[in-house]
Amino acid sequence: MITNTLLSDNTPTSSTAQIKTIFTSSGDSAVNLMVFCNTDDSLDGLLTVYVVPDGQSYGTKHIIMKNTKLNSLETLTFSTEKLILEDGDSIQARATLADGATTVDITATVSSIVLWDSLIAPHST
């Protein structure tokens, strides 16, 4: 499954930027690819990503990447490690402005596969 989300920000500080859910696990799933692309042709952006367990709100303890700079037209790819998520767990992100400009657009693409219980649960003997 592939999901695409546009993270847009028109606020000057990370404290007021909107956090968007870019993926929510339906059942147990493995995220095998995350791609973040700054589509703005002149502005740099900052990216913060959270992995949030079902039933919780994002917070400092959920950050896996904080204020990572994405230069204009730069793409950042995560594909080496897999994230195993349970039903309802989510990945959330926010794009903020690196230089106080008026807007920055970063796209987030997530690729995942659904895991069968037999593949992740221990087998009884």
PDB file of N, CA and C in Angstrom:
ATOM      1  N   MET A   1       0.843  -1.173   0.000  1.00  0.00           N
ATOM      2  CA  MET A   1       0.000   0.000   0.000  1.00  0.00           C
ATOM      3  C   MET A   1       0.887   1.234   0.000  1.00  0.00           C
ATOM      4  N   ILE A   2       0.525   2.230  -0.759  1.00  0.00           N
ATOM      5  CA  ILE A   2       1.271   3.483  -0.817  1.00  0.00           C
ATOM      6  C   ILE A   2       0.329   4.620  -0.441  1.00  0.00           C
ATOM      7  N   THR A   3       0.805   5.501   0.446  1.00  0.00           N
ATOM      8  CA  THR A   3       0.053   6.697   0.804  1.00  0.00           C
ATOM      9  C   THR A   3       0.917   7.920   0.523  1.00  0.00           C
ATOM     10  N   ASN A   4       0.282   8.978   0.049  1.00  0.00           N
ATOM     11  CA  ASN A   4       0.966  10.241  -0.235  1.00  0.00           C
ATOM     12  C   ASN A   4       0.267  11.358   0.526  1.00  0.00           C
ATOM     13  N   THR A   5       1.072  12.236   1.145  1.00  0.00           N
ATOM     14  CA  THR A   5       0.530  13.349   1.914  1.00  0.00           C
ATOM     15  C   THR A   5       1.356  14.586   1.613  1.00  0.00           C
ATOM     16  N   LEU A   6       0.702  15.714   1.418  1.00  0.00           N
ATOM     17  CA  LEU A   6       1.402  16.978   1.257  1.00  0.00           C
ATOM     18  C   LEU A   6       1.474  17.663   2.607  1.00  0.00           C
ATOM     19  N   LEU A   7       2.693  17.900   3.068  1.00  0.00           N
ATOM     20  CA  LEU A   7       2.914  18.650   4.309  1.00  0.00           C
ATOM     21  C   LEU A   7       3.212  20.082   3.892  1.00  0.00           C
ATOM     22  N   SER A   8       2.289  20.979   4.126  1.00  0.00           N
ATOM     23  CA  SER A   8       2.492  22.383   3.771  1.00  0.00           C
ATOM     24  C   SER A   8       2.491  23.202   5.033  1.00  0.00           C
ATOM     25  N   ASP A   9       3.332  24.223   5.043  1.00  0.00           N
ATOM     26  CA  ASP A   9       3.364  25.103   6.204  1.00  0.00           C
ATOM     27  C   ASP A   9       3.482  26.534   5.745  1.00  0.00           C
ATOM     28  N   ASN A  10       2.659  27.396   6.307  1.00  0.00           N
ATOM     29  CA  ASN A  10       2.779  28.814   6.018  1.00  0.00           C
ATOM     30  C   ASN A  10       2.963  29.610   7.303  1.00  0.00           C
ATOM     31  N   THR A  11       3.528  28.942   8.306  1.00  0.00           N
ATOM     32  CA  THR A  11       3.795  29.609   9.572  1.00  0.00           C
ATOM     33  C   THR A  11       5.302  29.667   9.804  1.00  0.00           C
ATOM     34  N   PRO A  12       5.792  30.665  10.506  1.00  0.00           N
ATOM     35  CA  PRO A  12       7.234  30.859  10.616  1.00  0.00           C
ATOM     36  C   PRO A  12       7.951  30.016  11.665  1.00  0.00           C
ATOM     37  N   THR A  13       7.236  29.319  12.531  1.00  0.00           N
ATOM     38  CA  THR A  13       7.930  28.580  13.585  1.00  0.00           C
ATOM     39  C   THR A  13       7.413  27.164  13.691  1.00  0.00           C
ATOM     40  N   SER A  14       8.272  26.251  14.143  1.00  0.00           N
ATOM     41  CA  SER A  14       7.861  24.857  14.272  1.00  0.00           C
ATOM     42  C   SER A  14       6.824  24.662  15.363  1.00  0.00           C
ATOM     43  N   SER A  15       6.727  25.582  16.312  1.00  0.00           N
ATOM     44  CA  SER A  15       5.771  25.409  17.406  1.00  0.00           C
ATOM     45  C   SER A  15       4.331  25.593  16.959  1.00  0.00           C
ATOM     46  N   THR A  16       4.102  26.216  15.804  1.00  0.00           N
ATOM     47  CA  THR A  16       2.735  26.437  15.345  1.00  0.00           C
ATOM     48  C   THR A  16       2.389  25.662  14.087  1.00  0.00           C
ATOM     49  N   ALA A  17       3.333  24.937  13.520  1.00  0.00           N
ATOM     50  CA  ALA A  17       3.076  24.188  12.294  1.00  0.00           C
ATOM     51  C   ALA A  17       2.156  22.997  12.566  1.00  0.00           C
ATOM     52  N   GLN A  18       1.319  22.686  11.617  1.00  0.00           N
ATOM     53  CA  GLN A  18       0.362  21.589  11.750  1.00  0.00           C
ATOM     54  C   GLN A  18       1.043  20.246  11.549  1.00  0.00           C
ATOM     55  N   ILE A  19       0.754  19.315  12.455  1.00  0.00           N
ATOM     56  CA  ILE A  19       1.244  17.944  12.322  1.00  0.00           C
ATOM     57  C   ILE A  19       0.170  17.150  11.584  1.00  0.00           C
ATOM     58  N   LYS A  20       0.607  16.392  10.564  1.00  0.00           N
ATOM     59  CA  LYS A  20      -0.326  15.589   9.783  1.00  0.00           C
ATOM     60  C   LYS A  20       0.012  14.116   9.927  1.00  0.00           C
ATOM     61  N   THR A  21      -1.030  13.298   9.954  1.00  0.00           N
ATOM     62  CA  THR A  21      -0.837  11.852   9.942  1.00  0.00           C
ATOM     63  C   THR A  21      -0.547  11.442   8.506  1.00  0.00           C
ATOM     64  N   ILE A  22       0.613  10.788   8.306  1.00  0.00           N
ATOM     65  CA  ILE A  22       0.982  10.379   6.952  1.00  0.00           C
ATOM     66  C   ILE A  22       0.752   8.887   6.730  1.00  0.00           C
ATOM     67  N   PHE A  23       0.535   8.132   7.817  1.00  0.00           N
ATOM     68  CA  PHE A  23       0.222   6.705   7.689  1.00  0.00           C
ATOM     69  C   PHE A  23      -0.401   6.225   8.992  1.00  0.00           C
ATOM     70  N   THR A  24      -1.448   5.416   8.883  1.00  0.00           N
ATOM     71  CA  THR A  24      -2.038   4.737  10.034  1.00  0.00           C
ATOM     72  C   THR A  24      -2.133   3.260   9.693  1.00  0.00           C
ATOM     73  N   SER A  25      -1.606   2.427  10.573  1.00  0.00           N
ATOM     74  CA  SER A  25      -1.607   0.993  10.338  1.00  0.00           C
ATOM     75  C   SER A  25      -3.007   0.416  10.506  1.00  0.00           C
ATOM     76  N   SER A  26      -3.407  -0.378   9.528  1.00  0.00           N
ATOM     77  CA  SER A  26      -4.658  -1.112   9.603  1.00  0.00           C
ATOM     78  C   SER A  26      -4.284  -2.579   9.765  1.00  0.00           C
ATOM     79  N   GLY A  27      -4.370  -3.082  10.987  1.00  0.00           N
ATOM     80  CA  GLY A  27      -3.804  -4.384  11.299  1.00  0.00           C
ATOM     81  C   GLY A  27      -2.311  -4.202  11.528  1.00  0.00           C
ATOM     82  N   ASP A  28      -1.578  -5.299  11.638  1.00  0.00           N
ATOM     83  CA  ASP A  28      -0.128  -5.212  11.791  1.00  0.00           C
ATOM     84  C   ASP A  28       0.487  -4.990  10.418  1.00  0.00           C
ATOM     85  N   SER A  29       1.439  -4.068  10.336  1.00  0.00           N
ATOM     86  CA  SER A  29       2.039  -3.767   9.046  1.00  0.00           C
ATOM     87  C   SER A  29       3.518  -3.422   9.203  1.00  0.00           C
ATOM     88  N   ALA A  30       4.218  -3.520   8.093  1.00  0.00           N
ATOM     89  CA  ALA A  30       5.628  -3.137   8.038  1.00  0.00           C
ATOM     90  C   ALA A  30       5.756  -1.989   7.052  1.00  0.00           C
ATOM     91  N   VAL A  31       6.334  -0.897   7.520  1.00  0.00           N
ATOM     92  CA  VAL A  31       6.632   0.220   6.638  1.00  0.00           C
ATOM     93  C   VAL A  31       8.011  -0.061   6.044  1.00  0.00           C
ATOM     94  N   ASN A  32       8.060  -0.221   4.741  1.00  0.00           N
ATOM     95  CA  ASN A  32       9.327  -0.586   4.104  1.00  0.00           C
ATOM     96  C   ASN A  32       9.968   0.561   3.333  1.00  0.00           C
ATOM     97  N   LEU A  33       9.278   1.696   3.231  1.00  0.00           N
ATOM     98  CA  LEU A  33       9.853   2.842   2.530  1.00  0.00           C
ATOM     99  C   LEU A  33       9.148   4.115   2.974  1.00  0.00           C
ATOM    100  N   MET A  34       9.937   5.152   3.276  1.00  0.00           N
ATOM    101  CA  MET A  34       9.407   6.496   3.488  1.00  0.00           C
ATOM    102  C   MET A  34      10.253   7.440   2.650  1.00  0.00           C
ATOM    103  N   VAL A  35       9.580   8.291   1.879  1.00  0.00           N
ATOM    104  CA  VAL A  35      10.262   9.264   1.030  1.00  0.00           C
ATOM    105  C   VAL A  35       9.683  10.638   1.343  1.00  0.00           C
ATOM    106  N   PHE A  36      10.566  11.594   1.578  1.00  0.00           N
ATOM    107  CA  PHE A  36      10.164  12.972   1.834  1.00  0.00           C
ATOM    108  C   PHE A  36      10.835  13.848   0.783  1.00  0.00           C
ATOM    109  N   CYS A  37      10.055  14.651   0.086  1.00  0.00           N
ATOM    110  CA  CYS A  37      10.591  15.465  -1.006  1.00  0.00           C
ATOM    111  C   CYS A  37      10.159  16.918  -0.820  1.00  0.00           C
ATOM    112  N   ASN A  38      11.133  17.814  -0.782  1.00  0.00           N
ATOM    113  CA  ASN A  38      10.843  19.239  -0.762  1.00  0.00           C
ATOM    114  C   ASN A  38      10.586  19.665  -2.211  1.00  0.00           C
ATOM    115  N   THR A  39       9.337  19.921  -2.533  1.00  0.00           N
ATOM    116  CA  THR A  39       8.960  20.236  -3.912  1.00  0.00           C
ATOM    117  C   THR A  39       9.079  21.721  -4.244  1.00  0.00           C
ATOM    118  N   ASP A  40       9.451  22.511  -3.269  1.00  0.00           N
ATOM    119  CA  ASP A  40       9.623  23.943  -3.513  1.00  0.00           C
ATOM    120  C   ASP A  40      10.914  24.186  -4.276  1.00  0.00           C
ATOM    121  N   ASP A  41      10.861  25.004  -5.308  1.00  0.00           N
ATOM    122  CA  ASP A  41      12.052  25.214  -6.127  1.00  0.00           C
ATOM    123  C   ASP A  41      12.982  26.314  -5.610  1.00  0.00           C
ATOM    124  N   SER A  42      12.661  26.915  -4.458  1.00  0.00           N
ATOM    125  CA  SER A  42      13.558  27.954  -3.942  1.00  0.00           C
ATOM    126  C   SER A  42      13.684  27.996  -2.421  1.00  0.00           C
ATOM    127  N   LEU A  43      12.806  27.311  -1.668  1.00  0.00           N
ATOM    128  CA  LEU A  43      12.820  27.416  -0.213  1.00  0.00           C
ATOM    129  C   LEU A  43      13.255  26.114   0.450  1.00  0.00           C
ATOM    130  N   ASP A  44      14.032  26.232   1.525  1.00  0.00           N
ATOM    131  CA  ASP A  44      14.424  25.088   2.333  1.00  0.00           C
ATOM    132  C   ASP A  44      13.385  24.850   3.417  1.00  0.00           C
ATOM    133  N   GLY A  45      13.230  23.596   3.819  1.00  0.00           N
ATOM    134  CA  GLY A  45      12.281  23.252   4.870  1.00  0.00           C
ATOM    135  C   GLY A  45      12.914  22.388   5.936  1.00  0.00           C
ATOM    136  N   LEU A  46      12.226  22.267   7.062  1.00  0.00           N
ATOM    137  CA  LEU A  46      12.628  21.386   8.144  1.00  0.00           C
ATOM    138  C   LEU A  46      11.541  20.349   8.330  1.00  0.00           C
ATOM    139  N   LEU A  47      11.946  19.125   8.598  1.00  0.00           N
ATOM    140  CA  LEU A  47      11.013  18.008   8.716  1.00  0.00           C
ATOM    141  C   LEU A  47      11.164  17.342  10.078  1.00  0.00           C
ATOM    142  N   THR A  48      10.038  17.123  10.755  1.00  0.00           N
ATOM    143  CA  THR A  48      10.008  16.368  12.008  1.00  0.00           C
ATOM    144  C   THR A  48       9.025  15.217  11.829  1.00  0.00           C
ATOM    145  N   VAL A  49       9.442  14.000  12.231  1.00  0.00           N
ATOM    146  CA  VAL A  49       8.616  12.802  12.053  1.00  0.00           C
ATOM    147  C   VAL A  49       8.454  12.102  13.402  1.00  0.00           C
ATOM    148  N   TYR A  50       7.226  11.654  13.669  1.00  0.00           N
ATOM    149  CA  TYR A  50       6.871  10.964  14.906  1.00  0.00           C
ATOM    150  C   TYR A  50       6.309   9.580  14.571  1.00  0.00           C
ATOM    151  N   VAL A  51       6.612   8.569  15.406  1.00  0.00           N
ATOM    152  CA  VAL A  51       5.936   7.276  15.340  1.00  0.00           C
ATOM    153  C   VAL A  51       5.133   7.167  16.638  1.00  0.00           C
ATOM    154  N   VAL A  52       3.798   7.092  16.494  1.00  0.00           N
ATOM    155  CA  VAL A  52       2.905   7.224  17.645  1.00  0.00           C
ATOM    156  C   VAL A  52       2.071   5.950  17.820  1.00  0.00           C
ATOM    157  N   PRO A  53       2.183   5.306  18.994  1.00  0.00           N
ATOM    158  CA  PRO A  53       1.353   4.131  19.265  1.00  0.00           C
ATOM    159  C   PRO A  53      -0.134   4.488  19.302  1.00  0.00           C
ATOM    160  N   ASP A  54      -0.964   3.526  18.958  1.00  0.00           N
ATOM    161  CA  ASP A  54      -2.413   3.700  18.989  1.00  0.00           C
ATOM    162  C   ASP A  54      -2.850   4.199  20.360  1.00  0.00           C
ATOM    163  N   GLY A  55      -3.730   5.184  20.373  1.00  0.00           N
ATOM    164  CA  GLY A  55      -4.276   5.699  21.620  1.00  0.00           C
ATOM    165  C   GLY A  55      -3.440   6.788  22.274  1.00  0.00           C
ATOM    166  N   GLN A  56      -2.281   7.109  21.712  1.00  0.00           N
ATOM    167  CA  GLN A  56      -1.437   8.161  22.284  1.00  0.00           C
ATOM    168  C   GLN A  56      -1.410   9.369  21.356  1.00  0.00           C
ATOM    169  N   SER A  57      -1.022  10.507  21.909  1.00  0.00           N
ATOM    170  CA  SER A  57      -0.818  11.722  21.127  1.00  0.00           C
ATOM    171  C   SER A  57       0.676  11.907  20.924  1.00  0.00           C
ATOM    172  N   TYR A  58       1.034  12.519  19.802  1.00  0.00           N
ATOM    173  CA  TYR A  58       2.451  12.728  19.514  1.00  0.00           C
ATOM    174  C   TYR A  58       3.114  13.540  20.629  1.00  0.00           C
ATOM    175  N   GLY A  59       4.390  13.304  20.815  1.00  0.00           N
ATOM    176  CA  GLY A  59       5.159  14.044  21.811  1.00  0.00           C
ATOM    177  C   GLY A  59       6.640  13.805  21.586  1.00  0.00           C
ATOM    178  N   THR A  60       7.444  14.405  22.408  1.00  0.00           N
ATOM    179  CA  THR A  60       8.895  14.305  22.274  1.00  0.00           C
ATOM    180  C   THR A  60       9.374  12.863  22.247  1.00  0.00           C
ATOM    181  N   LYS A  61       8.774  11.989  23.052  1.00  0.00           N
ATOM    182  CA  LYS A  61       9.230  10.598  23.114  1.00  0.00           C
ATOM    183  C   LYS A  61       8.938   9.808  21.835  1.00  0.00           C
ATOM    184  N   HIS A  62       8.139  10.377  20.933  1.00  0.00           N
ATOM    185  CA  HIS A  62       7.781   9.692  19.690  1.00  0.00           C
ATOM    186  C   HIS A  62       8.601  10.154  18.487  1.00  0.00           C
ATOM    187  N   ILE A  63       9.491  11.109  18.673  1.00  0.00           N
ATOM    188  CA  ILE A  63      10.250  11.672  17.548  1.00  0.00           C
ATOM    189  C   ILE A  63      11.298  10.685  17.053  1.00  0.00           C
ATOM    190  N   ILE A  64      11.310  10.450  15.738  1.00  0.00           N
ATOM    191  CA  ILE A  64      12.378   9.645  15.129  1.00  0.00           C
ATOM    192  C   ILE A  64      13.277  10.507  14.238  1.00  0.00           C
ATOM    193  N   MET A  65      12.831  11.714  13.943  1.00  0.00           N
ATOM    194  CA  MET A  65      13.632  12.661  13.167  1.00  0.00           C
ATOM    195  C   MET A  65      13.146  14.060  13.534  1.00  0.00           C
ATOM    196  N   LYS A  66      14.075  14.941  13.935  1.00  0.00           N
ATOM    197  CA  LYS A  66      13.662  16.271  14.380  1.00  0.00           C
ATOM    198  C   LYS A  66      14.394  17.361  13.601  1.00  0.00           C
ATOM    199  N   ASN A  67      13.601  18.253  13.025  1.00  0.00           N
ATOM    200  CA  ASN A  67      14.113  19.426  12.307  1.00  0.00           C
ATOM    201  C   ASN A  67      15.225  19.079  11.315  1.00  0.00           C
ATOM    202  N   THR A  68      15.016  18.012  10.571  1.00  0.00           N
ATOM    203  CA  THR A  68      15.964  17.625   9.528  1.00  0.00           C
ATOM    204  C   THR A  68      15.777  18.556   8.338  1.00  0.00           C
ATOM    205  N   LYS A  69      16.862  19.201   7.937  1.00  0.00           N
ATOM    206  CA  LYS A  69      16.768  20.178   6.852  1.00  0.00           C
ATOM    207  C   LYS A  69      16.666  19.477   5.498  1.00  0.00           C
ATOM    208  N   LEU A  70      15.663  19.895   4.738  1.00  0.00           N
ATOM    209  CA  LEU A  70      15.504  19.460   3.358  1.00  0.00           C
ATOM    210  C   LEU A  70      15.659  20.688   2.478  1.00  0.00           C
ATOM    211  N   ASN A  71      16.770  20.755   1.777  1.00  0.00           N
ATOM    212  CA  ASN A  71      16.999  21.874   0.877  1.00  0.00           C
ATOM    213  C   ASN A  71      15.983  21.859  -0.251  1.00  0.00           C
ATOM    214  N   SER A  72      15.859  22.959  -0.924  1.00  0.00           N
ATOM    215  CA  SER A  72      14.973  23.071  -2.073  1.00  0.00           C
ATOM    216  C   SER A  72      15.213  21.913  -3.043  1.00  0.00           C
ATOM    217  N   LEU A  73      14.129  21.248  -3.449  1.00  0.00           N
ATOM    218  CA  LEU A  73      14.138  20.139  -4.414  1.00  0.00           C
ATOM    219  C   LEU A  73      14.922  18.914  -3.945  1.00  0.00           C
ATOM    220  N   GLU A  74      15.205  18.802  -2.665  1.00  0.00           N
ATOM    221  CA  GLU A  74      15.931  17.651  -2.121  1.00  0.00           C
ATOM    222  C   GLU A  74      14.949  16.553  -1.709  1.00  0.00           C
ATOM    223  N   THR A  75      15.391  15.293  -1.841  1.00  0.00           N
ATOM    224  CA  THR A  75      14.599  14.135  -1.452  1.00  0.00           C
ATOM    225  C   THR A  75      15.366  13.321  -0.419  1.00  0.00           C
ATOM    226  N   LEU A  76      14.666  12.889   0.626  1.00  0.00           N
ATOM    227  CA  LEU A  76      15.234  12.076   1.687  1.00  0.00           C
ATOM    228  C   LEU A  76      14.491  10.741   1.693  1.00  0.00           C
ATOM    229  N   THR A  77      15.247   9.629   1.625  1.00  0.00           N
ATOM    230  CA  THR A  77      14.638   8.300   1.526  1.00  0.00           C
ATOM    231  C   THR A  77      15.071   7.422   2.694  1.00  0.00           C
ATOM    232  N   PHE A  78      14.096   6.721   3.291  1.00  0.00           N
ATOM    233  CA  PHE A  78      14.354   5.728   4.326  1.00  0.00           C
ATOM    234  C   PHE A  78      13.885   4.379   3.809  1.00  0.00           C
ATOM    235  N   SER A  79      14.819   3.466   3.534  1.00  0.00           N
ATOM    236  CA  SER A  79      14.423   2.172   2.989  1.00  0.00           C
ATOM    237  C   SER A  79      15.262   1.016   3.524  1.00  0.00           C
ATOM    238  N   THR A  80      16.232   1.284   4.365  1.00  0.00           N
ATOM    239  CA  THR A  80      17.126   0.237   4.854  1.00  0.00           C
ATOM    240  C   THR A  80      16.482  -0.597   5.956  1.00  0.00           C
ATOM    241  N   GLU A  81      15.856   0.056   6.915  1.00  0.00           N
ATOM    242  CA  GLU A  81      15.216  -0.626   8.040  1.00  0.00           C
ATOM    243  C   GLU A  81      13.702  -0.603   7.872  1.00  0.00           C
ATOM    244  N   LYS A  82      13.035  -1.534   8.524  1.00  0.00           N
ATOM    245  CA  LYS A  82      11.578  -1.610   8.469  1.00  0.00           C
ATOM    246  C   LYS A  82      11.006  -1.190   9.812  1.00  0.00           C
ATOM    247  N   LEU A  83       9.873  -0.539   9.782  1.00  0.00           N
ATOM    248  CA  LEU A  83       9.135  -0.180  10.985  1.00  0.00           C
ATOM    249  C   LEU A  83       7.943  -1.122  11.088  1.00  0.00           C
ATOM    250  N   ILE A  84       7.852  -1.866  12.177  1.00  0.00           N
ATOM    251  CA  ILE A  84       6.715  -2.762  12.403  1.00  0.00           C
ATOM    252  C   ILE A  84       5.702  -2.018  13.264  1.00  0.00           C
ATOM    253  N   LEU A  85       4.499  -1.840  12.736  1.00  0.00           N
ATOM    254  CA  LEU A  85       3.454  -1.116  13.440  1.00  0.00           C
ATOM    255  C   LEU A  85       2.273  -2.031  13.708  1.00  0.00           C
ATOM    256  N   GLU A  86       1.661  -1.832  14.865  1.00  0.00           N
ATOM    257  CA  GLU A  86       0.449  -2.563  15.214  1.00  0.00           C
ATOM    258  C   GLU A  86      -0.771  -1.771  14.764  1.00  0.00           C
ATOM    259  N   ASP A  87      -1.914  -2.413  14.797  1.00  0.00           N
ATOM    260  CA  ASP A  87      -3.162  -1.785  14.391  1.00  0.00           C
ATOM    261  C   ASP A  87      -3.360  -0.454  15.111  1.00  0.00           C
ATOM    262  N   GLY A  88      -3.590   0.604  14.349  1.00  0.00           N
ATOM    263  CA  GLY A  88      -3.861   1.919  14.918  1.00  0.00           C
ATOM    264  C   GLY A  88      -2.630   2.781  15.155  1.00  0.00           C
ATOM    265  N   ASP A  89      -1.443   2.195  15.139  1.00  0.00           N
ATOM    266  CA  ASP A  89      -0.221   2.998  15.264  1.00  0.00           C
ATOM    267  C   ASP A  89      -0.116   3.925  14.057  1.00  0.00           C
ATOM    268  N   SER A  90       0.536   5.067  14.229  1.00  0.00           N
ATOM    269  CA  SER A  90       0.615   6.009  13.113  1.00  0.00           C
ATOM    270  C   SER A  90       1.992   6.647  12.993  1.00  0.00           C
ATOM    271  N   ILE A  91       2.240   7.159  11.806  1.00  0.00           N
ATOM    272  CA  ILE A  91       3.415   7.987  11.545  1.00  0.00           C
ATOM    273  C   ILE A  91       2.877   9.373  11.246  1.00  0.00           C
ATOM    274  N   GLN A  92       3.399  10.356  11.963  1.00  0.00           N
ATOM    275  CA  GLN A  92       2.943  11.728  11.805  1.00  0.00           C
ATOM    276  C   GLN A  92       4.143  12.617  11.501  1.00  0.00           C
ATOM    277  N   ALA A  93       3.905  13.717  10.790  1.00  0.00           N
ATOM    278  CA  ALA A  93       5.017  14.578  10.397  1.00  0.00           C
ATOM    279  C   ALA A  93       4.558  16.020  10.284  1.00  0.00           C
ATOM    280  N   ARG A  94       5.558  16.902  10.324  1.00  0.00           N
ATOM    281  CA  ARG A  94       5.286  18.312  10.084  1.00  0.00           C
ATOM    282  C   ARG A  94       6.441  18.926   9.305  1.00  0.00           C
ATOM    283  N   ALA A  95       6.095  19.828   8.416  1.00  0.00           N
ATOM    284  CA  ALA A  95       7.075  20.598   7.654  1.00  0.00           C
ATOM    285  C   ALA A  95       7.067  22.015   8.207  1.00  0.00           C
ATOM    286  N   THR A  96       8.253  22.544   8.456  1.00  0.00           N
ATOM    287  CA  THR A  96       8.361  23.919   8.925  1.00  0.00           C
ATOM    288  C   THR A  96       9.348  24.674   8.055  1.00  0.00           C
ATOM    289  N   LEU A  97       9.387  25.949   8.245  1.00  0.00           N
ATOM    290  CA  LEU A  97      10.206  26.819   7.407  1.00  0.00           C
ATOM    291  C   LEU A  97      11.613  26.943   7.962  1.00  0.00           C
ATOM    292  N   ALA A  98      12.594  26.779   7.100  1.00  0.00           N
ATOM    293  CA  ALA A  98      13.983  26.871   7.534  1.00  0.00           C
ATOM    294  C   ALA A  98      14.450  28.314   7.663  1.00  0.00           C
ATOM    295  N   ASP A  99      13.803  29.231   6.954  1.00  0.00           N
ATOM    296  CA  ASP A  99      14.311  30.607   6.945  1.00  0.00           C
ATOM    297  C   ASP A  99      13.242  31.671   7.179  1.00  0.00           C
ATOM    298  N   GLY A 100      12.101  31.282   7.717  1.00  0.00           N
ATOM    299  CA  GLY A 100      11.061  32.264   8.001  1.00  0.00           C
ATOM    300  C   GLY A 100      10.306  32.730   6.769  1.00  0.00           C
ATOM    301  N   ALA A 101      10.399  31.990   5.677  1.00  0.00           N
ATOM    302  CA  ALA A 101       9.684  32.358   4.456  1.00  0.00           C
ATOM    303  C   ALA A 101       8.183  32.143   4.654  1.00  0.00           C
ATOM    304  N   THR A 102       7.423  32.297   3.610  1.00  0.00           N
ATOM    305  CA  THR A 102       5.971  32.245   3.769  1.00  0.00           C
ATOM    306  C   THR A 102       5.370  30.856   3.619  1.00  0.00           C
ATOM    307  N   THR A 103       5.987  29.966   2.853  1.00  0.00           N
ATOM    308  CA  THR A 103       5.421  28.635   2.683  1.00  0.00           C
ATOM    309  C   THR A 103       6.483  27.648   2.207  1.00  0.00           C
ATOM    310  N   VAL A 104       6.319  26.386   2.570  1.00  0.00           N
ATOM    311  CA  VAL A 104       7.186  25.320   2.069  1.00  0.00           C
ATOM    312  C   VAL A 104       6.320  24.077   1.895  1.00  0.00           C
ATOM    313  N   ASP A 105       6.558  23.342   0.821  1.00  0.00           N
ATOM    314  CA  ASP A 105       5.804  22.115   0.562  1.00  0.00           C
ATOM    315  C   ASP A 105       6.754  20.926   0.572  1.00  0.00           C
ATOM    316  N   ILE A 106       6.463  19.972   1.431  1.00  0.00           N
ATOM    317  CA  ILE A 106       7.204  18.717   1.473  1.00  0.00           C
ATOM    318  C   ILE A 106       6.186  17.602   1.314  1.00  0.00           C
ATOM    319  N   THR A 107       6.435  16.702   0.365  1.00  0.00           N
ATOM    320  CA  THR A 107       5.544  15.556   0.208  1.00  0.00           C
ATOM    321  C   THR A 107       6.098  14.378   0.989  1.00  0.00           C
ATOM    322  N   ALA A 108       5.205  13.594   1.552  1.00  0.00           N
ATOM    323  CA  ALA A 108       5.574  12.388   2.292  1.00  0.00           C
ATOM    324  C   ALA A 108       4.915  11.200   1.609  1.00  0.00           C
ATOM    325  N   THR A 109       5.713  10.207   1.236  1.00  0.00           N
ATOM    326  CA  THR A 109       5.200   8.984   0.630  1.00  0.00           C
ATOM    327  C   THR A 109       5.624   7.817   1.508  1.00  0.00           C
ATOM    328  N   VAL A 110       4.669   6.954   1.847  1.00  0.00           N
ATOM    329  CA  VAL A 110       4.925   5.799   2.703  1.00  0.00           C
ATOM    330  C   VAL A 110       4.458   4.549   1.971  1.00  0.00           C
ATOM    331  N   SER A 111       5.331   3.552   1.920  1.00  0.00           N
ATOM    332  CA  SER A 111       4.979   2.255   1.347  1.00  0.00           C
ATOM    333  C   SER A 111       4.978   1.239   2.485  1.00  0.00           C
ATOM    334  N   SER A 112       3.943   0.400   2.517  1.00  0.00           N
ATOM    335  CA  SER A 112       3.826  -0.580   3.604  1.00  0.00           C
ATOM    336  C   SER A 112       3.219  -1.875   3.094  1.00  0.00           C
ATOM    337  N   ILE A 113       3.405  -2.915   3.886  1.00  0.00           N
ATOM    338  CA  ILE A 113       2.758  -4.200   3.618  1.00  0.00           C
ATOM    339  C   ILE A 113       2.075  -4.670   4.885  1.00  0.00           C
ATOM    340  N   VAL A 114       0.962  -5.367   4.722  1.00  0.00           N
ATOM    341  CA  VAL A 114       0.238  -5.925   5.860  1.00  0.00           C
ATOM    342  C   VAL A 114       0.902  -7.239   6.263  1.00  0.00           C
ATOM    343  N   LEU A 115       1.090  -7.417   7.549  1.00  0.00           N
ATOM    344  CA  LEU A 115       1.686  -8.648   8.064  1.00  0.00           C
ATOM    345  C   LEU A 115       0.598  -9.599   8.539  1.00  0.00           C
ATOM    346  N   TRP A 116       0.763 -10.839   8.251  1.00  0.00           N
ATOM    347  CA  TRP A 116      -0.146 -11.855   8.763  1.00  0.00           C
ATOM    348  C   TRP A 116       0.296 -12.203  10.163  1.00  0.00           C
ATOM    349  N   ASP A 117      -0.661 -12.502  11.040  1.00  0.00           N
ATOM    350  CA  ASP A 117      -0.326 -12.847  12.422  1.00  0.00           C
ATOM    351  C   ASP A 117       0.661 -13.981  12.515  1.00  0.00           C
ATOM    352  N   SER A 118       0.569 -14.971  11.641  1.00  0.00           N
ATOM    353  CA  SER A 118       1.445 -16.127  11.717  1.00  0.00           C
ATOM    354  C   SER A 118       2.898 -15.763  11.412  1.00  0.00           C
ATOM    355  N   LEU A 119       3.091 -14.659  10.719  1.00  0.00           N
ATOM    356  CA  LEU A 119       4.446 -14.245  10.385  1.00  0.00           C
ATOM    357  C   LEU A 119       5.144 -13.510  11.517  1.00  0.00           C
ATOM    358  N   ILE A 120       4.371 -12.904  12.430  1.00  0.00           N
ATOM    359  CA  ILE A 120       4.988 -12.129  13.485  1.00  0.00           C
ATOM    360  C   ILE A 120       4.778 -12.711  14.882  1.00  0.00           C
ATOM    361  N   ALA A 121       3.798 -13.617  15.024  1.00  0.00           N
ATOM    362  CA  ALA A 121       3.547 -14.206  16.345  1.00  0.00           C
ATOM    363  C   ALA A 121       4.449 -15.421  16.540  1.00  0.00           C
ATOM    364  N   PRO A 122       4.947 -15.610  17.772  1.00  0.00           N
ATOM    365  CA  PRO A 122       5.771 -16.800  18.014  1.00  0.00           C
ATOM    366  C   PRO A 122       4.938 -18.074  17.861  1.00  0.00           C
ATOM    367  N   HIS A 123       5.552 -19.119  17.357  1.00  0.00           N
ATOM    368  CA  HIS A 123       4.854 -20.393  17.174  1.00  0.00           C
ATOM    369  C   HIS A 123       4.915 -21.196  18.469  1.00  0.00           C
ATOM    370  N   SER A 124       3.828 -21.818  18.802  1.00  0.00           N
ATOM    371  CA  SER A 124       3.823 -22.653  20.007  1.00  0.00           C
ATOM    372  C   SER A 124       4.271 -24.065  19.630  1.00  0.00           C
ATOM    373  N   THR A 125       4.892 -24.728  20.580  1.00  0.00           N
ATOM    374  CA  THR A 125       5.359 -26.100  20.321  1.00  0.00           C
ATOM    375  C   THR A 125       4.599 -27.099  21.140  1.00  0.00           C
TER     376      THR A 125
END
